[in-house]
Amino acid sequence: MYRARTRDIEISVEPFYLEEQSDPEDNRYVWGYRIVIANHSDNAVTLTHRYWHITDENGQVDEVTGPGVIGDQPRILPGGVYEYSSGCPLDTPSGMMFGHFRMETDEGDIFNADIPAFSLDLPGLVRILN
């Protein structure tokens, strides 16, 4: 599990390989990831936008932005938690992701809550370091 905390908003990520949706012979590797957003602050926040920076093992970068997550712009009360799962395909057997969620308090304060960098690695993949 990977974690980051910004202004009392804690974001945890748990990535997992989706073998049944992947086809290594066709250079298609698919990961799922579970996101948990916990609001440890005294203010409700609304997740209004997302930003993802996705890099495969060849250094190819894909950036994804848009409103909310999975068609939702959740409002998370103080002490509340919001969870969702999504996925990411890559053309290589490993990569990494990081990003942020744009949050807005009920008072109109806007800030970016960091999503921790996490690796997407094919299970059993052996790496040789120079």
Protein backbone atom coordinates (compact mmCIF):
# COMPACT_ATOMS: atom_id res chain seq x y z
CA MET A 1 0.00 0.00 0.00
CA TYR A 2 1.27 3.47 -0.93
CA ARG A 3 0.21 6.57 1.06
CA ALA A 4 0.42 10.36 0.82
CA ARG A 5 -1.09 13.05 3.03
CA THR A 6 -1.85 16.62 2.00
CA ARG A 7 -3.64 19.03 4.35
CA ASP A 8 -5.13 16.16 6.36
CA ILE A 9 -6.40 14.37 3.26
CA GLU A 10 -4.78 10.91 3.15
CA ILE A 11 -4.72 9.03 -0.14
CA SER A 12 -3.82 5.33 -0.17
CA VAL A 13 -3.26 3.25 -3.29
CA GLU A 14 -3.15 -0.52 -3.69
CA PRO A 15 -2.22 -1.64 -7.24
CA PHE A 16 -2.79 -5.17 -8.54
CA TYR A 17 -2.10 -6.95 -11.83
CA LEU A 18 -5.13 -8.05 -13.87
CA GLU A 19 -3.85 -11.17 -15.58
CA GLU A 20 -7.24 -12.06 -17.09
CA GLN A 21 -7.40 -8.70 -18.94
CA SER A 22 -3.75 -8.75 -20.00
CA ASP A 23 -2.22 -10.27 -23.13
CA PRO A 24 1.60 -10.20 -22.90
CA GLU A 25 1.95 -11.70 -26.41
CA ASP A 26 0.18 -8.58 -27.70
CA ASN A 27 2.12 -6.22 -25.36
CA ARG A 28 -0.99 -5.50 -23.28
CA TYR A 29 -0.54 -5.39 -19.51
CA VAL A 30 -3.43 -4.22 -17.34
CA TRP A 31 -3.37 -3.17 -13.69
CA GLY A 32 -6.16 -2.29 -11.36
CA TYR A 33 -5.75 -0.01 -8.40
CA ARG A 34 -7.85 0.69 -5.35
CA ILE A 35 -7.87 4.25 -4.02
CA VAL A 36 -8.92 5.15 -0.49
CA ILE A 37 -9.33 8.85 0.34
CA ALA A 38 -9.66 9.61 4.05
CA ASN A 39 -10.60 13.07 5.25
CA HIS A 40 -8.82 13.68 8.57
CA SER A 41 -9.60 17.42 8.48
CA ASP A 42 -12.37 19.41 10.15
CA ASN A 43 -13.86 20.45 6.79
CA ALA A 44 -15.81 18.61 4.13
CA VAL A 45 -14.03 18.42 0.76
CA THR A 46 -15.24 17.69 -2.75
CA LEU A 47 -13.01 15.91 -5.25
CA THR A 48 -13.56 18.01 -8.38
CA HIS A 49 -10.79 16.87 -10.78
CA ARG A 50 -8.09 14.26 -11.22
CA TYR A 51 -4.62 14.33 -12.76
CA TRP A 52 -2.56 11.21 -13.51
CA HIS A 53 1.03 10.99 -14.77
CA ILE A 54 1.62 7.47 -16.11
CA THR A 55 5.04 6.29 -17.29
CA ASP A 56 5.80 2.90 -18.84
CA GLU A 57 9.18 1.17 -18.55
CA ASN A 58 10.32 2.74 -21.84
CA GLY A 59 9.74 6.24 -20.46
CA GLN A 60 6.57 6.81 -22.52
CA VAL A 61 4.41 9.28 -20.58
CA ASP A 62 0.63 9.55 -20.66
CA GLU A 63 -1.16 12.30 -18.76
CA VAL A 64 -4.83 11.97 -17.87
CA THR A 65 -6.98 14.81 -16.57
CA GLY A 66 -10.68 15.27 -16.10
CA PRO A 67 -13.54 15.97 -13.76
CA GLY A 68 -13.96 13.71 -10.74
CA VAL A 69 -13.25 9.99 -10.67
CA ILE A 70 -15.22 7.17 -12.31
CA GLY A 71 -18.03 9.61 -13.14
CA ASP A 72 -18.33 10.90 -9.58
CA GLN A 73 -17.31 14.07 -7.75
CA PRO A 74 -17.56 12.81 -4.18
CA ARG A 75 -18.04 15.06 -1.19
CA ILE A 76 -16.11 13.62 1.75
CA LEU A 77 -17.21 14.70 5.21
CA PRO A 78 -14.77 15.21 8.11
CA GLY A 79 -13.74 11.76 9.31
CA GLY A 80 -15.22 10.24 6.14
CA VAL A 81 -13.71 7.89 3.60
CA TYR A 82 -14.30 7.47 -0.15
CA GLU A 83 -13.08 4.37 -2.01
CA TYR A 84 -13.05 3.42 -5.66
CA SER A 85 -11.25 1.11 -8.07
CA SER A 86 -10.07 1.75 -11.60
CA GLY A 87 -7.48 0.44 -14.03
CA CYS A 88 -4.58 1.27 -16.31
CA PRO A 89 -3.30 -0.56 -19.40
CA LEU A 90 0.35 -0.39 -20.43
CA ASP A 91 2.30 -1.65 -23.45
CA THR A 92 5.17 -2.78 -21.17
CA PRO A 93 5.33 -5.16 -18.18
CA SER A 94 6.10 -2.36 -15.73
CA GLY A 95 5.55 1.32 -15.14
CA MET A 96 4.55 3.83 -12.52
CA MET A 97 1.79 6.31 -11.75
CA PHE A 98 1.35 9.38 -9.59
CA GLY A 99 -0.85 12.43 -9.62
CA HIS A 100 -3.23 14.54 -7.59
CA PHE A 101 -6.89 15.14 -6.89
CA ARG A 102 -8.13 18.72 -6.90
CA MET A 103 -10.13 19.25 -3.73
CA GLU A 104 -12.47 22.08 -2.79
CA THR A 105 -13.70 22.79 0.72
CA ASP A 106 -17.24 24.01 1.37
CA GLU A 107 -15.66 27.43 2.02
CA GLY A 108 -14.24 27.52 -1.54
CA ASP A 109 -10.61 26.76 -0.66
CA ILE A 110 -9.05 24.79 -3.55
CA PHE A 111 -5.92 22.62 -3.24
CA ASN A 112 -4.28 19.58 -4.81
CA ALA A 113 -4.07 16.42 -2.69
CA ASP A 114 -1.10 14.31 -3.78
CA ILE A 115 -1.58 10.75 -4.99
CA PRO A 116 1.57 8.85 -4.04
CA ALA A 117 3.80 7.42 -6.77
CA PHE A 118 3.23 3.70 -7.11
CA SER A 119 4.77 1.02 -9.28
CA LEU A 120 3.04 -1.30 -11.70
CA ASP A 121 5.21 -4.39 -11.98
CA LEU A 122 4.39 -7.72 -13.56
CA PRO A 123 4.36 -10.35 -10.78
CA GLY A 124 7.54 -12.42 -10.87
CA LEU A 125 9.37 -9.91 -13.06
CA VAL A 126 13.11 -10.16 -12.38
CA ARG A 127 15.09 -6.94 -12.66
CA ILE A 128 18.86 -6.73 -13.07
CA LEU A 129 20.44 -3.55 -11.79
CA ASN A 130 23.74 -2.30 -13.21
